[in-house]
Amino acid sequence: GEGEIGVLSHHAPLMTILNPGALRIKPTEGEEQVLFVGGGFLEVLPDRVTVLADVAEHADEISVGAAEEARRRAQEKLAGTLTAAEETEFQNALAMAEARLRLARARRG
């Protein structure tokens, strides 16, 4: 399923899949950090959280223009004749581009 999860210290152990989207890190002290992750895995242990992701970038560094171009290219490819593997690849590319755009636009207001 999709949704959000909040993890506090001493959380019960957990392993889950991450969909493309925002990863918010709220340290005990200091500023919240917001990253875009392109999917991956989240492991929670009582004393630490580990994120394994192929793609991670600071939300404020997302290029809206590049994400819009990636979305356009994926939509263009999906309009053609594709193998099942190609369709999966371009659906994933489209989901990543749209998640980047949502996060970038939310950060910029």
PDB file of N, CA and C in Angstrom:
ATOM      1  N   GLY A   1       0.820  -1.197   0.000  1.00  0.00           N
ATOM      2  CA  GLY A   1       0.000   0.000   0.000  1.00  0.00           C
ATOM      3  C   GLY A   1       0.854   1.247   0.000  1.00  0.00           C
ATOM      4  N   GLU A   2       0.196   2.375  -0.135  1.00  0.00           N
ATOM      5  CA  GLU A   2       0.886   3.652  -0.127  1.00  0.00           C
ATOM      6  C   GLU A   2       0.513   4.418   1.120  1.00  0.00           C
ATOM      7  N   GLY A   3       1.363   5.329   1.505  1.00  0.00           N
ATOM      8  CA  GLY A   3       1.078   6.154   2.655  1.00  0.00           C
ATOM      9  C   GLY A   3       2.344   6.618   3.310  1.00  0.00           C
ATOM     10  N   GLU A   4       2.185   7.135   4.505  1.00  0.00           N
ATOM     11  CA  GLU A   4       3.318   7.660   5.247  1.00  0.00           C
ATOM     12  C   GLU A   4       3.541   6.825   6.490  1.00  0.00           C
ATOM     13  N   ILE A   5       4.756   6.862   6.965  1.00  0.00           N
ATOM     14  CA  ILE A   5       5.109   6.195   8.216  1.00  0.00           C
ATOM     15  C   ILE A   5       5.995   7.154   8.997  1.00  0.00           C
ATOM     16  N   GLY A   6       5.744   7.236  10.275  1.00  0.00           N
ATOM     17  CA  GLY A   6       6.589   8.023  11.160  1.00  0.00           C
ATOM     18  C   GLY A   6       7.337   7.068  12.074  1.00  0.00           C
ATOM     19  N   VAL A   7       8.611   7.316  12.261  1.00  0.00           N
ATOM     20  CA  VAL A   7       9.437   6.426  13.078  1.00  0.00           C
ATOM     21  C   VAL A   7      10.089   7.243  14.188  1.00  0.00           C
ATOM     22  N   LEU A   8       9.803   6.863  15.422  1.00  0.00           N
ATOM     23  CA  LEU A   8      10.432   7.498  16.576  1.00  0.00           C
ATOM     24  C   LEU A   8      11.501   6.564  17.125  1.00  0.00           C
ATOM     25  N   SER A   9      12.339   7.078  18.019  1.00  0.00           N
ATOM     26  CA  SER A   9      13.366   6.210  18.605  1.00  0.00           C
ATOM     27  C   SER A   9      12.699   5.058  19.351  1.00  0.00           C
ATOM     28  N   HIS A  10      13.373   3.933  19.391  1.00  0.00           N
ATOM     29  CA  HIS A  10      12.895   2.703  20.031  1.00  0.00           C
ATOM     30  C   HIS A  10      11.685   2.095  19.326  1.00  0.00           C
ATOM     31  N   HIS A  11      11.524   2.393  18.036  1.00  0.00           N
ATOM     32  CA  HIS A  11      10.444   1.811  17.232  1.00  0.00           C
ATOM     33  C   HIS A  11      10.677   0.310  17.092  1.00  0.00           C
ATOM     34  N   ALA A  12       9.613  -0.440  16.990  1.00  0.00           N
ATOM     35  CA  ALA A  12       9.733  -1.887  16.767  1.00  0.00           C
ATOM     36  C   ALA A  12      10.442  -2.133  15.438  1.00  0.00           C
ATOM     37  N   PRO A  13      11.226  -3.188  15.333  1.00  0.00           N
ATOM     38  CA  PRO A  13      11.898  -3.504  14.068  1.00  0.00           C
ATOM     39  C   PRO A  13      10.890  -3.631  12.924  1.00  0.00           C
ATOM     40  N   LEU A  14      11.304  -3.139  11.767  1.00  0.00           N
ATOM     41  CA  LEU A  14      10.418  -3.098  10.608  1.00  0.00           C
ATOM     42  C   LEU A  14      11.259  -3.067   9.345  1.00  0.00           C
ATOM     43  N   MET A  15      10.800  -3.731   8.304  1.00  0.00           N
ATOM     44  CA  MET A  15      11.422  -3.636   6.978  1.00  0.00           C
ATOM     45  C   MET A  15      10.276  -3.413   6.002  1.00  0.00           C
ATOM     46  N   THR A  16      10.393  -2.393   5.151  1.00  0.00           N
ATOM     47  CA  THR A  16       9.325  -2.106   4.203  1.00  0.00           C
ATOM     48  C   THR A  16       9.900  -1.557   2.907  1.00  0.00           C
ATOM     49  N   ILE A  17       9.082  -1.583   1.880  1.00  0.00           N
ATOM     50  CA  ILE A  17       9.456  -1.041   0.568  1.00  0.00           C
ATOM     51  C   ILE A  17       9.057   0.428   0.530  1.00  0.00           C
ATOM     52  N   LEU A  18       9.919   1.267  -0.049  1.00  0.00           N
ATOM     53  CA  LEU A  18       9.621   2.685  -0.237  1.00  0.00           C
ATOM     54  C   LEU A  18       9.220   2.920  -1.686  1.00  0.00           C
ATOM     55  N   ASN A  19       8.143   3.675  -1.881  1.00  0.00           N
ATOM     56  CA  ASN A  19       7.769   4.132  -3.215  1.00  0.00           C
ATOM     57  C   ASN A  19       8.479   5.454  -3.478  1.00  0.00           C
ATOM     58  N   PRO A  20       8.592   5.865  -4.748  1.00  0.00           N
ATOM     59  CA  PRO A  20       9.187   7.173  -5.021  1.00  0.00           C
ATOM     60  C   PRO A  20       8.420   8.274  -4.293  1.00  0.00           C
ATOM     61  N   GLY A  21       9.157   9.162  -3.643  1.00  0.00           N
ATOM     62  CA  GLY A  21       8.508  10.261  -2.937  1.00  0.00           C
ATOM     63  C   GLY A  21       9.423  10.905  -1.924  1.00  0.00           C
ATOM     64  N   ALA A  22       8.803  11.618  -0.986  1.00  0.00           N
ATOM     65  CA  ALA A  22       9.540  12.399   0.005  1.00  0.00           C
ATOM     66  C   ALA A  22       9.981  11.536   1.175  1.00  0.00           C
ATOM     67  N   LEU A  23      11.179  11.811   1.636  1.00  0.00           N
ATOM     68  CA  LEU A  23      11.706  11.227   2.870  1.00  0.00           C
ATOM     69  C   LEU A  23      12.057  12.406   3.764  1.00  0.00           C
ATOM     70  N   ARG A  24      11.367  12.522   4.883  1.00  0.00           N
ATOM     71  CA  ARG A  24      11.586  13.626   5.814  1.00  0.00           C
ATOM     72  C   ARG A  24      12.388  13.120   7.007  1.00  0.00           C
ATOM     73  N   ILE A  25      13.466  13.811   7.294  1.00  0.00           N
ATOM     74  CA  ILE A  25      14.319  13.448   8.422  1.00  0.00           C
ATOM     75  C   ILE A  25      14.233  14.582   9.435  1.00  0.00           C
ATOM     76  N   LYS A  26      13.720  14.264  10.612  1.00  0.00           N
ATOM     77  CA  LYS A  26      13.568  15.267  11.669  1.00  0.00           C
ATOM     78  C   LYS A  26      14.489  14.891  12.822  1.00  0.00           C
ATOM     79  N   PRO A  27      15.707  15.437  12.828  1.00  0.00           N
ATOM     80  CA  PRO A  27      16.626  15.114  13.927  1.00  0.00           C
ATOM     81  C   PRO A  27      16.124  15.710  15.243  1.00  0.00           C
ATOM     82  N   THR A  28      16.597  15.157  16.347  1.00  0.00           N
ATOM     83  CA  THR A  28      16.223  15.666  17.665  1.00  0.00           C
ATOM     84  C   THR A  28      16.576  17.144  17.768  1.00  0.00           C
ATOM     85  N   GLU A  29      17.719  17.495  17.195  1.00  0.00           N
ATOM     86  CA  GLU A  29      18.135  18.900  17.152  1.00  0.00           C
ATOM     87  C   GLU A  29      18.443  19.254  15.710  1.00  0.00           C
ATOM     88  N   GLY A  30      18.161  20.481  15.329  1.00  0.00           N
ATOM     89  CA  GLY A  30      18.478  20.925  13.977  1.00  0.00           C
ATOM     90  C   GLY A  30      17.259  20.926  13.075  1.00  0.00           C
ATOM     91  N   GLU A  31      17.512  21.292  11.838  1.00  0.00           N
ATOM     92  CA  GLU A  31      16.458  21.473  10.845  1.00  0.00           C
ATOM     93  C   GLU A  31      16.005  20.156  10.235  1.00  0.00           C
ATOM     94  N   GLU A  32      14.734  20.113   9.877  1.00  0.00           N
ATOM     95  CA  GLU A  32      14.218  18.975   9.122  1.00  0.00           C
ATOM     96  C   GLU A  32      14.876  18.963   7.744  1.00  0.00           C
ATOM     97  N   GLN A  33      15.233  17.780   7.277  1.00  0.00           N
ATOM     98  CA  GLN A  33      15.754  17.625   5.918  1.00  0.00           C
ATOM     99  C   GLN A  33      14.714  16.869   5.107  1.00  0.00           C
ATOM    100  N   VAL A  34      14.521  17.294   3.864  1.00  0.00           N
ATOM    101  CA  VAL A  34      13.586  16.603   2.983  1.00  0.00           C
ATOM    102  C   VAL A  34      14.355  16.139   1.758  1.00  0.00           C
ATOM    103  N   LEU A  35      14.275  14.845   1.495  1.00  0.00           N
ATOM    104  CA  LEU A  35      14.937  14.238   0.345  1.00  0.00           C
ATOM    105  C   LEU A  35      13.895  13.612  -0.566  1.00  0.00           C
ATOM    106  N   PHE A  36      14.217  13.529  -1.845  1.00  0.00           N
ATOM    107  CA  PHE A  36      13.449  12.702  -2.767  1.00  0.00           C
ATOM    108  C   PHE A  36      14.170  11.365  -2.838  1.00  0.00           C
ATOM    109  N   VAL A  37      13.426  10.273  -2.669  1.00  0.00           N
ATOM    110  CA  VAL A  37      14.000   8.946  -2.890  1.00  0.00           C
ATOM    111  C   VAL A  37      13.202   8.282  -4.000  1.00  0.00           C
ATOM    112  N   GLY A  38      13.921   7.627  -4.882  1.00  0.00           N
ATOM    113  CA  GLY A  38      13.291   6.978  -6.028  1.00  0.00           C
ATOM    114  C   GLY A  38      12.868   5.559  -5.722  1.00  0.00           C
ATOM    115  N   GLY A  39      12.364   5.337  -4.534  1.00  0.00           N
ATOM    116  CA  GLY A  39      11.996   3.982  -4.130  1.00  0.00           C
ATOM    117  C   GLY A  39      13.162   3.318  -3.439  1.00  0.00           C
ATOM    118  N   GLY A  40      12.917   2.160  -2.874  1.00  0.00           N
ATOM    119  CA  GLY A  40      13.976   1.442  -2.180  1.00  0.00           C
ATOM    120  C   GLY A  40      13.424   0.697  -0.989  1.00  0.00           C
ATOM    121  N   PHE A  41      14.249   0.591   0.044  1.00  0.00           N
ATOM    122  CA  PHE A  41      13.869  -0.154   1.242  1.00  0.00           C
ATOM    123  C   PHE A  41      14.163   0.670   2.483  1.00  0.00           C
ATOM    124  N   LEU A  42      13.341   0.478   3.498  1.00  0.00           N
ATOM    125  CA  LEU A  42      13.507   1.125   4.791  1.00  0.00           C
ATOM    126  C   LEU A  42      13.619   0.031   5.845  1.00  0.00           C
ATOM    127  N   GLU A  43      14.698   0.085   6.629  1.00  0.00           N
ATOM    128  CA  GLU A  43      14.863  -0.849   7.739  1.00  0.00           C
ATOM    129  C   GLU A  43      14.887  -0.041   9.027  1.00  0.00           C
ATOM    130  N   VAL A  44      14.028  -0.408   9.954  1.00  0.00           N
ATOM    131  CA  VAL A  44      13.961   0.259  11.247  1.00  0.00           C
ATOM    132  C   VAL A  44      14.415  -0.723  12.318  1.00  0.00           C
ATOM    133  N   LEU A  45      15.383  -0.300  13.105  1.00  0.00           N
ATOM    134  CA  LEU A  45      15.830  -1.039  14.284  1.00  0.00           C
ATOM    135  C   LEU A  45      15.620  -0.118  15.484  1.00  0.00           C
ATOM    136  N   PRO A  46      15.608  -0.638  16.700  1.00  0.00           N
ATOM    137  CA  PRO A  46      15.335   0.226  17.859  1.00  0.00           C
ATOM    138  C   PRO A  46      16.261   1.440  17.970  1.00  0.00           C
ATOM    139  N   ASP A  47      17.508   1.326  17.475  1.00  0.00           N
ATOM    140  CA  ASP A  47      18.470   2.422  17.642  1.00  0.00           C
ATOM    141  C   ASP A  47      18.875   3.110  16.347  1.00  0.00           C
ATOM    142  N   ARG A  48      18.308   2.702  15.210  1.00  0.00           N
ATOM    143  CA  ARG A  48      18.685   3.369  13.951  1.00  0.00           C
ATOM    144  C   ARG A  48      17.696   3.029  12.841  1.00  0.00           C
ATOM    145  N   VAL A  49      17.736   3.872  11.806  1.00  0.00           N
ATOM    146  CA  VAL A  49      16.931   3.671  10.600  1.00  0.00           C
ATOM    147  C   VAL A  49      17.885   3.669   9.421  1.00  0.00           C
ATOM    148  N   THR A  50      17.731   2.703   8.522  1.00  0.00           N
ATOM    149  CA  THR A  50      18.560   2.624   7.323  1.00  0.00           C
ATOM    150  C   THR A  50      17.656   2.707   6.101  1.00  0.00           C
ATOM    151  N   VAL A  51      18.030   3.565   5.154  1.00  0.00           N
ATOM    152  CA  VAL A  51      17.312   3.682   3.887  1.00  0.00           C
ATOM    153  C   VAL A  51      18.261   3.240   2.787  1.00  0.00           C
ATOM    154  N   LEU A  52      17.821   2.297   1.977  1.00  0.00           N
ATOM    155  CA  LEU A  52      18.569   1.863   0.799  1.00  0.00           C
ATOM    156  C   LEU A  52      17.785   2.320  -0.416  1.00  0.00           C
ATOM    157  N   ALA A  53      18.363   3.227  -1.200  1.00  0.00           N
ATOM    158  CA  ALA A  53      17.671   3.767  -2.370  1.00  0.00           C
ATOM    159  C   ALA A  53      18.668   3.962  -3.501  1.00  0.00           C
ATOM    160  N   ASP A  54      18.239   3.659  -4.719  1.00  0.00           N
ATOM    161  CA  ASP A  54      19.088   3.890  -5.888  1.00  0.00           C
ATOM    162  C   ASP A  54      19.237   5.377  -6.171  1.00  0.00           C
ATOM    163  N   VAL A  55      18.187   6.138  -5.881  1.00  0.00           N
ATOM    164  CA  VAL A  55      18.172   7.571  -6.167  1.00  0.00           C
ATOM    165  C   VAL A  55      17.770   8.313  -4.904  1.00  0.00           C
ATOM    166  N   ALA A  56      18.550   9.316  -4.535  1.00  0.00           N
ATOM    167  CA  ALA A  56      18.203  10.197  -3.414  1.00  0.00           C
ATOM    168  C   ALA A  56      18.784  11.571  -3.710  1.00  0.00           C
ATOM    169  N   GLU A  57      17.964  12.603  -3.546  1.00  0.00           N
ATOM    170  CA  GLU A  57      18.457  13.971  -3.756  1.00  0.00           C
ATOM    171  C   GLU A  57      17.688  14.914  -2.841  1.00  0.00           C
ATOM    172  N   HIS A  58      18.359  15.989  -2.444  1.00  0.00           N
ATOM    173  CA  HIS A  58      17.701  16.983  -1.611  1.00  0.00           C
ATOM    174  C   HIS A  58      16.540  17.590  -2.391  1.00  0.00           C
ATOM    175  N   ALA A  59      15.408  17.730  -1.721  1.00  0.00           N
ATOM    176  CA  ALA A  59      14.201  18.231  -2.382  1.00  0.00           C
ATOM    177  C   ALA A  59      14.427  19.599  -3.011  1.00  0.00           C
ATOM    178  N   ASP A  60      15.207  20.445  -2.341  1.00  0.00           N
ATOM    179  CA  ASP A  60      15.431  21.799  -2.853  1.00  0.00           C
ATOM    180  C   ASP A  60      16.315  21.822  -4.099  1.00  0.00           C
ATOM    181  N   GLU A  61      16.944  20.693  -4.425  1.00  0.00           N
ATOM    182  CA  GLU A  61      17.819  20.630  -5.599  1.00  0.00           C
ATOM    183  C   GLU A  61      17.135  20.005  -6.813  1.00  0.00           C
ATOM    184  N   ILE A  62      15.862  19.634  -6.672  1.00  0.00           N
ATOM    185  CA  ILE A  62      15.143  19.030  -7.795  1.00  0.00           C
ATOM    186  C   ILE A  62      14.915  20.089  -8.859  1.00  0.00           C
ATOM    187  N   SER A  63      15.230  19.762 -10.094  1.00  0.00           N
ATOM    188  CA  SER A  63      14.970  20.650 -11.223  1.00  0.00           C
ATOM    189  C   SER A  63      13.579  20.343 -11.765  1.00  0.00           C
ATOM    190  N   VAL A  64      12.661  21.313 -11.618  1.00  0.00           N
ATOM    191  CA  VAL A  64      11.302  21.125 -12.129  1.00  0.00           C
ATOM    192  C   VAL A  64      11.343  20.909 -13.636  1.00  0.00           C
ATOM    193  N   GLY A  65      12.175  21.674 -14.337  1.00  0.00           N
ATOM    194  CA  GLY A  65      12.272  21.531 -15.793  1.00  0.00           C
ATOM    195  C   GLY A  65      12.724  20.144 -16.206  1.00  0.00           C
ATOM    196  N   ALA A  66      13.737  19.612 -15.525  1.00  0.00           N
ATOM    197  CA  ALA A  66      14.233  18.271 -15.852  1.00  0.00           C
ATOM    198  C   ALA A  66      13.186  17.210 -15.527  1.00  0.00           C
ATOM    199  N   ALA A  67      12.468  17.384 -14.418  1.00  0.00           N
ATOM    200  CA  ALA A  67      11.424  16.415 -14.053  1.00  0.00           C
ATOM    201  C   ALA A  67      10.268  16.462 -15.046  1.00  0.00           C
ATOM    202  N   GLU A  68       9.902  17.670 -15.493  1.00  0.00           N
ATOM    203  CA  GLU A  68       8.841  17.790 -16.504  1.00  0.00           C
ATOM    204  C   GLU A  68       9.263  17.131 -17.806  1.00  0.00           C
ATOM    205  N   GLU A  69      10.525  17.312 -18.192  1.00  0.00           N
ATOM    206  CA  GLU A  69      11.043  16.692 -19.421  1.00  0.00           C
ATOM    207  C   GLU A  69      11.056  15.169 -19.293  1.00  0.00           C
ATOM    208  N   ALA A  70      11.456  14.656 -18.135  1.00  0.00           N
ATOM    209  CA  ALA A  70      11.457  13.205 -17.911  1.00  0.00           C
ATOM    210  C   ALA A  70      10.035  12.656 -17.975  1.00  0.00           C
ATOM    211  N   ARG A  71       9.083  13.394 -17.407  1.00  0.00           N
ATOM    212  CA  ARG A  71       7.678  12.970 -17.477  1.00  0.00           C
ATOM    213  C   ARG A  71       7.199  12.943 -18.921  1.00  0.00           C
ATOM    214  N   ARG A  72       7.523  13.988 -19.678  1.00  0.00           N
ATOM    215  CA  ARG A  72       7.103  14.060 -21.080  1.00  0.00           C
ATOM    216  C   ARG A  72       7.675  12.894 -21.881  1.00  0.00           C
ATOM    217  N   ARG A  73       8.975  12.608 -21.681  1.00  0.00           N
ATOM    218  CA  ARG A  73       9.610  11.496 -22.408  1.00  0.00           C
ATOM    219  C   ARG A  73       8.955  10.160 -22.062  1.00  0.00           C
ATOM    220  N   ALA A  74       8.680   9.946 -20.786  1.00  0.00           N
ATOM    221  CA  ALA A  74       8.049   8.686 -20.363  1.00  0.00           C
ATOM    222  C   ALA A  74       6.648   8.558 -20.955  1.00  0.00           C
ATOM    223  N   GLN A  75       5.885   9.655 -20.939  1.00  0.00           N
ATOM    224  CA  GLN A  75       4.537   9.624 -21.518  1.00  0.00           C
ATOM    225  C   GLN A  75       4.593   9.338 -23.013  1.00  0.00           C
ATOM    226  N   GLU A  76       5.571   9.947 -23.685  1.00  0.00           N
ATOM    227  CA  GLU A  76       5.757   9.729 -25.123  1.00  0.00           C
ATOM    228  C   GLU A  76       6.045   8.254 -25.406  1.00  0.00           C
ATOM    229  N   LYS A  77       6.968   7.675 -24.635  1.00  0.00           N
ATOM    230  CA  LYS A  77       7.326   6.260 -24.819  1.00  0.00           C
ATOM    231  C   LYS A  77       6.131   5.356 -24.542  1.00  0.00           C
ATOM    232  N   LEU A  78       5.359   5.680 -23.507  1.00  0.00           N
ATOM    233  CA  LEU A  78       4.211   4.851 -23.137  1.00  0.00           C
ATOM    234  C   LEU A  78       3.104   4.893 -24.185  1.00  0.00           C
ATOM    235  N   ALA A  79       3.103   5.927 -25.022  1.00  0.00           N
ATOM    236  CA  ALA A  79       2.090   6.036 -26.073  1.00  0.00           C
ATOM    237  C   ALA A  79       2.392   5.098 -27.240  1.00  0.00           C
ATOM    238  N   GLY A  80       3.613   4.575 -27.308  1.00  0.00           N
ATOM    239  CA  GLY A  80       4.019   3.697 -28.406  1.00  0.00           C
ATOM    240  C   GLY A  80       3.780   2.229 -28.085  1.00  0.00           C
ATOM    241  N   THR A  81       4.239   1.383 -28.992  1.00  0.00           N
ATOM    242  CA  THR A  81       4.152  -0.064 -28.803  1.00  0.00           C
ATOM    243  C   THR A  81       5.371  -0.518 -28.011  1.00  0.00           C
ATOM    244  N   LEU A  82       5.125  -1.203 -26.907  1.00  0.00           N
ATOM    245  CA  LEU A  82       6.209  -1.580 -26.001  1.00  0.00           C
ATOM    246  C   LEU A  82       6.105  -3.042 -25.594  1.00  0.00           C
ATOM    247  N   THR A  83       7.239  -3.603 -25.247  1.00  0.00           N
ATOM    248  CA  THR A  83       7.230  -4.918 -24.606  1.00  0.00           C
ATOM    249  C   THR A  83       6.769  -4.714 -23.159  1.00  0.00           C
ATOM    250  N   ALA A  84       6.439  -5.784 -22.481  1.00  0.00           N
ATOM    251  CA  ALA A  84       6.016  -5.680 -21.078  1.00  0.00           C
ATOM    252  C   ALA A  84       7.119  -5.062 -20.223  1.00  0.00           C
ATOM    253  N   ALA A  85       8.369  -5.458 -20.480  1.00  0.00           N
ATOM    254  CA  ALA A  85       9.500  -4.921 -19.711  1.00  0.00           C
ATOM    255  C   ALA A  85       9.664  -3.424 -19.957  1.00  0.00           C
ATOM    256  N   GLU A  86       9.519  -3.001 -21.212  1.00  0.00           N
ATOM    257  CA  GLU A  86       9.637  -1.573 -21.532  1.00  0.00           C
ATOM    258  C   GLU A  86       8.505  -0.788 -20.876  1.00  0.00           C
ATOM    259  N   GLU A  87       7.308  -1.347 -20.903  1.00  0.00           N
ATOM    260  CA  GLU A  87       6.177  -0.656 -20.288  1.00  0.00           C
ATOM    261  C   GLU A  87       6.421  -0.455 -18.791  1.00  0.00           C
ATOM    262  N   THR A  88       6.918  -1.479 -18.123  1.00  0.00           N
ATOM    263  CA  THR A  88       7.239  -1.370 -16.696  1.00  0.00           C
ATOM    264  C   THR A  88       8.307  -0.306 -16.467  1.00  0.00           C
ATOM    265  N   GLU A  89       9.338  -0.311 -17.304  1.00  0.00           N
ATOM    266  CA  GLU A  89      10.427   0.668 -17.183  1.00  0.00           C
ATOM    267  C   GLU A  89       9.905   2.094 -17.303  1.00  0.00           C
ATOM    268  N   PHE A  90       9.058   2.347 -18.311  1.00  0.00           N
ATOM    269  CA  PHE A  90       8.580   3.712 -18.528  1.00  0.00           C
ATOM    270  C   PHE A  90       7.486   4.104 -17.535  1.00  0.00           C
ATOM    271  N   GLN A  91       6.713   3.135 -17.020  1.00  0.00           N
ATOM    272  CA  GLN A  91       5.758   3.437 -15.946  1.00  0.00           C
ATOM    273  C   GLN A  91       6.524   3.869 -14.694  1.00  0.00           C
ATOM    274  N   ASN A  92       7.628   3.168 -14.407  1.00  0.00           N
ATOM    275  CA  ASN A  92       8.469   3.539 -13.259  1.00  0.00           C
ATOM    276  C   ASN A  92       9.087   4.916 -13.452  1.00  0.00           C
ATOM    277  N   ALA A  93       9.565   5.205 -14.662  1.00  0.00           N
ATOM    278  CA  ALA A  93      10.148   6.523 -14.955  1.00  0.00           C
ATOM    279  C   ALA A  93       9.101   7.617 -14.784  1.00  0.00           C
ATOM    280  N   LEU A  94       7.883   7.345 -15.239  1.00  0.00           N
ATOM    281  CA  LEU A  94       6.795   8.311 -15.102  1.00  0.00           C
ATOM    282  C   LEU A  94       6.465   8.539 -13.622  1.00  0.00           C
ATOM    283  N   ALA A  95       6.380   7.481 -12.845  1.00  0.00           N
ATOM    284  CA  ALA A  95       6.083   7.607 -11.410  1.00  0.00           C
ATOM    285  C   ALA A  95       7.165   8.416 -10.699  1.00  0.00           C
ATOM    286  N   MET A  96       8.423   8.186 -11.057  1.00  0.00           N
ATOM    287  CA  MET A  96       9.526   8.945 -10.435  1.00  0.00           C
ATOM    288  C   MET A  96       9.440  10.423 -10.804  1.00  0.00           C
ATOM    289  N   ALA A  97       9.187  10.714 -12.081  1.00  0.00           N
ATOM    290  CA  ALA A  97       9.105  12.111 -12.524  1.00  0.00           C
ATOM    291  C   ALA A  97       7.945  12.821 -11.829  1.00  0.00           C
ATOM    292  N   GLU A  98       6.805  12.154 -11.730  1.00  0.00           N
ATOM    293  CA  GLU A  98       5.648  12.786 -11.097  1.00  0.00           C
ATOM    294  C   GLU A  98       5.871  12.988  -9.597  1.00  0.00           C
ATOM    295  N   ALA A  99       6.523  12.042  -8.945  1.00  0.00           N
ATOM    296  CA  ALA A  99       6.826  12.198  -7.515  1.00  0.00           C
ATOM    297  C   ALA A  99       7.801  13.354  -7.300  1.00  0.00           C
ATOM    298  N   ARG A 100       8.793  13.471  -8.172  1.00  0.00           N
ATOM    299  CA  ARG A 100       9.747  14.595  -8.083  1.00  0.00           C
ATOM    300  C   ARG A 100       9.014  15.924  -8.234  1.00  0.00           C
ATOM    301  N   LEU A 101       8.119  15.989  -9.226  1.00  0.00           N
ATOM    302  CA  LEU A 101       7.374  17.231  -9.465  1.00  0.00           C
ATOM    303  C   LEU A 101       6.496  17.593  -8.268  1.00  0.00           C
ATOM    304  N   ARG A 102       5.785  16.616  -7.709  1.00  0.00           N
ATOM    305  CA  ARG A 102       4.932  16.894  -6.538  1.00  0.00           C
ATOM    306  C   ARG A 102       5.760  17.466  -5.394  1.00  0.00           C
ATOM    307  N   LEU A 103       6.895  16.850  -5.130  1.00  0.00           N
ATOM    308  CA  LEU A 103       7.740  17.296  -4.024  1.00  0.00           C
ATOM    309  C   LEU A 103       8.328  18.676  -4.306  1.00  0.00           C
ATOM    310  N   ALA A 104       8.840  18.879  -5.507  1.00  0.00           N
ATOM    311  CA  ALA A 104       9.444  20.170  -5.851  1.00  0.00           C
ATOM    312  C   ALA A 104       8.412  21.292  -5.771  1.00  0.00           C
ATOM    313  N   ARG A 105       7.215  21.043  -6.277  1.00  0.00           N
ATOM    314  CA  ARG A 105       6.172  22.080  -6.254  1.00  0.00           C
ATOM    315  C   ARG A 105       5.701  22.349  -4.831  1.00  0.00           C
ATOM    316  N   ALA A 106       5.612  21.312  -4.010  1.00  0.00           N
ATOM    317  CA  ALA A 106       5.204  21.499  -2.612  1.00  0.00           C
ATOM    318  C   ALA A 106       6.246  22.329  -1.861  1.00  0.00           C
ATOM    319  N   ARG A 107       7.515  22.118  -2.154  1.00  0.00           N
ATOM    320  CA  ARG A 107       8.592  22.848  -1.485  1.00  0.00           C
ATOM    321  C   ARG A 107       8.648  24.303  -1.931  1.00  0.00           C
ATOM    322  N   ARG A 108       8.272  24.562  -3.176  1.00  0.00           N
ATOM    323  CA  ARG A 108       8.364  25.923  -3.714  1.00  0.00           C
ATOM    324  C   ARG A 108       7.079  26.716  -3.502  1.00  0.00           C
ATOM    325  N   GLY A 109       6.028  26.038  -3.061  1.00  0.00           N
ATOM    326  CA  GLY A 109       4.754  26.711  -2.790  1.00  0.00           C
ATOM    327  C   GLY A 109       4.005  26.834  -4.016  1.00  0.00           C
TER     328      GLY A 109
END
